[in-house]
Amino acid sequence: MIAIHYFASIREALDCDMEQLELPEGIKTVGDLIDMLGQHHGDNWKDVLGQPNVLVAVNHEMTDLTASIKAGDEVAFLPPVTGG
């Protein structure tokens, strides 16, 4: 099982704040997960999560789309930090 959290504008765009799912065979990276979520939920999900400015954390560690994931992990998608 993997826990996936969606925050702020990403949560609003996807109308989902969190989900848990069994990690299918072959899903090894965050990028693979995004592709799978797009296939499962629709192209909008892949478009929102695949934006180059979306931040990703695996087990509370900031990372990128090449990060490895496995059962038991927690993945979070966060919008870019803005300010000025």
C-alpha atoms as a PDB file:
ATOM      1  CA  MET A   1       0.000   0.000   0.000  1.00  0.00           C
ATOM      2  CA  ILE A   2       1.182   3.533  -0.775  1.00  0.00           C
ATOM      3  CA  ALA A   3      -0.262   6.790   0.582  1.00  0.00           C
ATOM      4  CA  ILE A   4      -0.488   9.751  -1.789  1.00  0.00           C
ATOM      5  CA  HIS A   5      -1.241  13.277  -0.551  1.00  0.00           C
ATOM      6  CA  TYR A   6      -2.240  16.248  -2.716  1.00  0.00           C
ATOM      7  CA  PHE A   7      -1.874  19.768  -1.314  1.00  0.00           C
ATOM      8  CA  ALA A   8      -3.304  23.249  -1.957  1.00  0.00           C
ATOM      9  CA  SER A   9      -3.938  24.103  -5.636  1.00  0.00           C
ATOM     10  CA  ILE A  10      -3.110  20.539  -6.698  1.00  0.00           C
ATOM     11  CA  ARG A  11      -5.768  19.200  -4.330  1.00  0.00           C
ATOM     12  CA  GLU A  12      -8.241  21.696  -5.764  1.00  0.00           C
ATOM     13  CA  ALA A  13      -7.403  20.873  -9.398  1.00  0.00           C
ATOM     14  CA  LEU A  14      -7.783  17.131  -8.784  1.00  0.00           C
ATOM     15  CA  ASP A  15     -10.633  17.354  -6.251  1.00  0.00           C
ATOM     16  CA  CYS A  16      -8.773  14.869  -4.052  1.00  0.00           C
ATOM     17  CA  ASP A  17      -6.692  15.371  -0.928  1.00  0.00           C
ATOM     18  CA  MET A  18      -5.407  11.841  -0.285  1.00  0.00           C
ATOM     19  CA  GLU A  19      -5.658   8.286  -1.520  1.00  0.00           C
ATOM     20  CA  GLN A  20      -4.152   4.934  -0.691  1.00  0.00           C
ATOM     21  CA  LEU A  21      -3.585   2.244  -3.257  1.00  0.00           C
ATOM     22  CA  GLU A  22      -1.719  -0.952  -3.877  1.00  0.00           C
ATOM     23  CA  LEU A  23       1.423  -0.216  -5.829  1.00  0.00           C
ATOM     24  CA  PRO A  24       1.204  -2.196  -9.086  1.00  0.00           C
ATOM     25  CA  GLU A  25       4.142  -4.193 -10.443  1.00  0.00           C
ATOM     26  CA  GLY A  26       6.418  -2.055 -12.576  1.00  0.00           C
ATOM     27  CA  ILE A  27       5.762   1.212 -10.760  1.00  0.00           C
ATOM     28  CA  LYS A  28       9.232   2.028  -9.465  1.00  0.00           C
ATOM     29  CA  THR A  29       9.549   5.842  -9.560  1.00  0.00           C
ATOM     30  CA  VAL A  30       7.450   8.933  -8.898  1.00  0.00           C
ATOM     31  CA  GLY A  31       7.323   9.451 -12.679  1.00  0.00           C
ATOM     32  CA  ASP A  32       5.891   5.944 -13.110  1.00  0.00           C
ATOM     33  CA  LEU A  33       3.320   6.756 -10.415  1.00  0.00           C
ATOM     34  CA  ILE A  34       2.224   9.914 -12.244  1.00  0.00           C
ATOM     35  CA  ASP A  35       1.791   7.947 -15.478  1.00  0.00           C
ATOM     36  CA  MET A  36      -0.252   5.301 -13.644  1.00  0.00           C
ATOM     37  CA  LEU A  37      -2.443   7.921 -11.941  1.00  0.00           C
ATOM     38  CA  GLY A  38      -3.075   9.532 -15.333  1.00  0.00           C
ATOM     39  CA  GLN A  39      -4.172   6.197 -16.772  1.00  0.00           C
ATOM     40  CA  HIS A  40      -6.353   5.457 -13.747  1.00  0.00           C
ATOM     41  CA  HIS A  41      -7.937   8.895 -13.174  1.00  0.00           C
ATOM     42  CA  GLY A  42      -7.617  10.594 -16.570  1.00  0.00           C
ATOM     43  CA  ASP A  43      -5.324  12.889 -18.506  1.00  0.00           C
ATOM     44  CA  ASN A  44      -6.031  15.878 -16.243  1.00  0.00           C
ATOM     45  CA  TRP A  45      -4.213  14.097 -13.414  1.00  0.00           C
ATOM     46  CA  LYS A  46      -1.135  13.463 -15.524  1.00  0.00           C
ATOM     47  CA  ASP A  47      -1.194  17.078 -16.733  1.00  0.00           C
ATOM     48  CA  VAL A  48      -1.514  18.539 -13.215  1.00  0.00           C
ATOM     49  CA  LEU A  49       1.013  16.239 -11.528  1.00  0.00           C
ATOM     50  CA  GLY A  50       3.474  16.281 -14.429  1.00  0.00           C
ATOM     51  CA  GLN A  51       3.933  20.054 -14.499  1.00  0.00           C
ATOM     52  CA  PRO A  52       7.634  20.903 -14.184  1.00  0.00           C
ATOM     53  CA  ASN A  53       7.094  23.222 -11.195  1.00  0.00           C
ATOM     54  CA  VAL A  54       5.208  20.680  -9.030  1.00  0.00           C
ATOM     55  CA  LEU A  55       7.189  19.706  -5.931  1.00  0.00           C
ATOM     56  CA  VAL A  56       7.370  16.087  -4.793  1.00  0.00           C
ATOM     57  CA  ALA A  57       8.246  14.546  -1.438  1.00  0.00           C
ATOM     58  CA  VAL A  58       8.718  10.856  -0.685  1.00  0.00           C
ATOM     59  CA  ASN A  59       8.576  10.003   3.013  1.00  0.00           C
ATOM     60  CA  HIS A  60       8.863  13.718   3.904  1.00  0.00           C
ATOM     61  CA  GLU A  61      12.042  14.186   1.812  1.00  0.00           C
ATOM     62  CA  MET A  62      11.903  16.564  -1.146  1.00  0.00           C
ATOM     63  CA  THR A  63      12.872  14.761  -4.340  1.00  0.00           C
ATOM     64  CA  ASP A  64      12.161  14.588  -8.069  1.00  0.00           C
ATOM     65  CA  LEU A  65      10.344  12.342 -10.547  1.00  0.00           C
ATOM     66  CA  THR A  66      13.238   9.868 -10.695  1.00  0.00           C
ATOM     67  CA  ALA A  67      12.935   9.010  -6.989  1.00  0.00           C
ATOM     68  CA  SER A  68      12.312   5.357  -6.225  1.00  0.00           C
ATOM     69  CA  ILE A  69       9.086   4.385  -4.483  1.00  0.00           C
ATOM     70  CA  LYS A  70       7.946   1.152  -2.870  1.00  0.00           C
ATOM     71  CA  ALA A  71       5.050  -0.232  -0.854  1.00  0.00           C
ATOM     72  CA  GLY A  72       4.730   1.537   2.486  1.00  0.00           C
ATOM     73  CA  ASP A  73       5.975   4.881   1.172  1.00  0.00           C
ATOM     74  CA  GLU A  74       4.172   8.195   1.447  1.00  0.00           C
ATOM     75  CA  VAL A  75       4.249  10.471  -1.609  1.00  0.00           C
ATOM     76  CA  ALA A  76       3.177  14.118  -1.497  1.00  0.00           C
ATOM     77  CA  PHE A  77       2.558  16.483  -4.385  1.00  0.00           C
ATOM     78  CA  LEU A  78       2.867  20.181  -3.548  1.00  0.00           C
ATOM     79  CA  PRO A  79       2.440  23.330  -5.624  1.00  0.00           C
ATOM     80  CA  PRO A  80       5.496  25.497  -6.192  1.00  0.00           C
ATOM     81  CA  VAL A  81       6.402  27.902  -3.426  1.00  0.00           C
ATOM     82  CA  THR A  82       5.731  31.489  -4.378  1.00  0.00           C
ATOM     83  CA  GLY A  83       6.512  34.739  -2.730  1.00  0.00           C
ATOM     84  CA  GLY A  84       8.244  37.946  -3.253  1.00  0.00           C
END
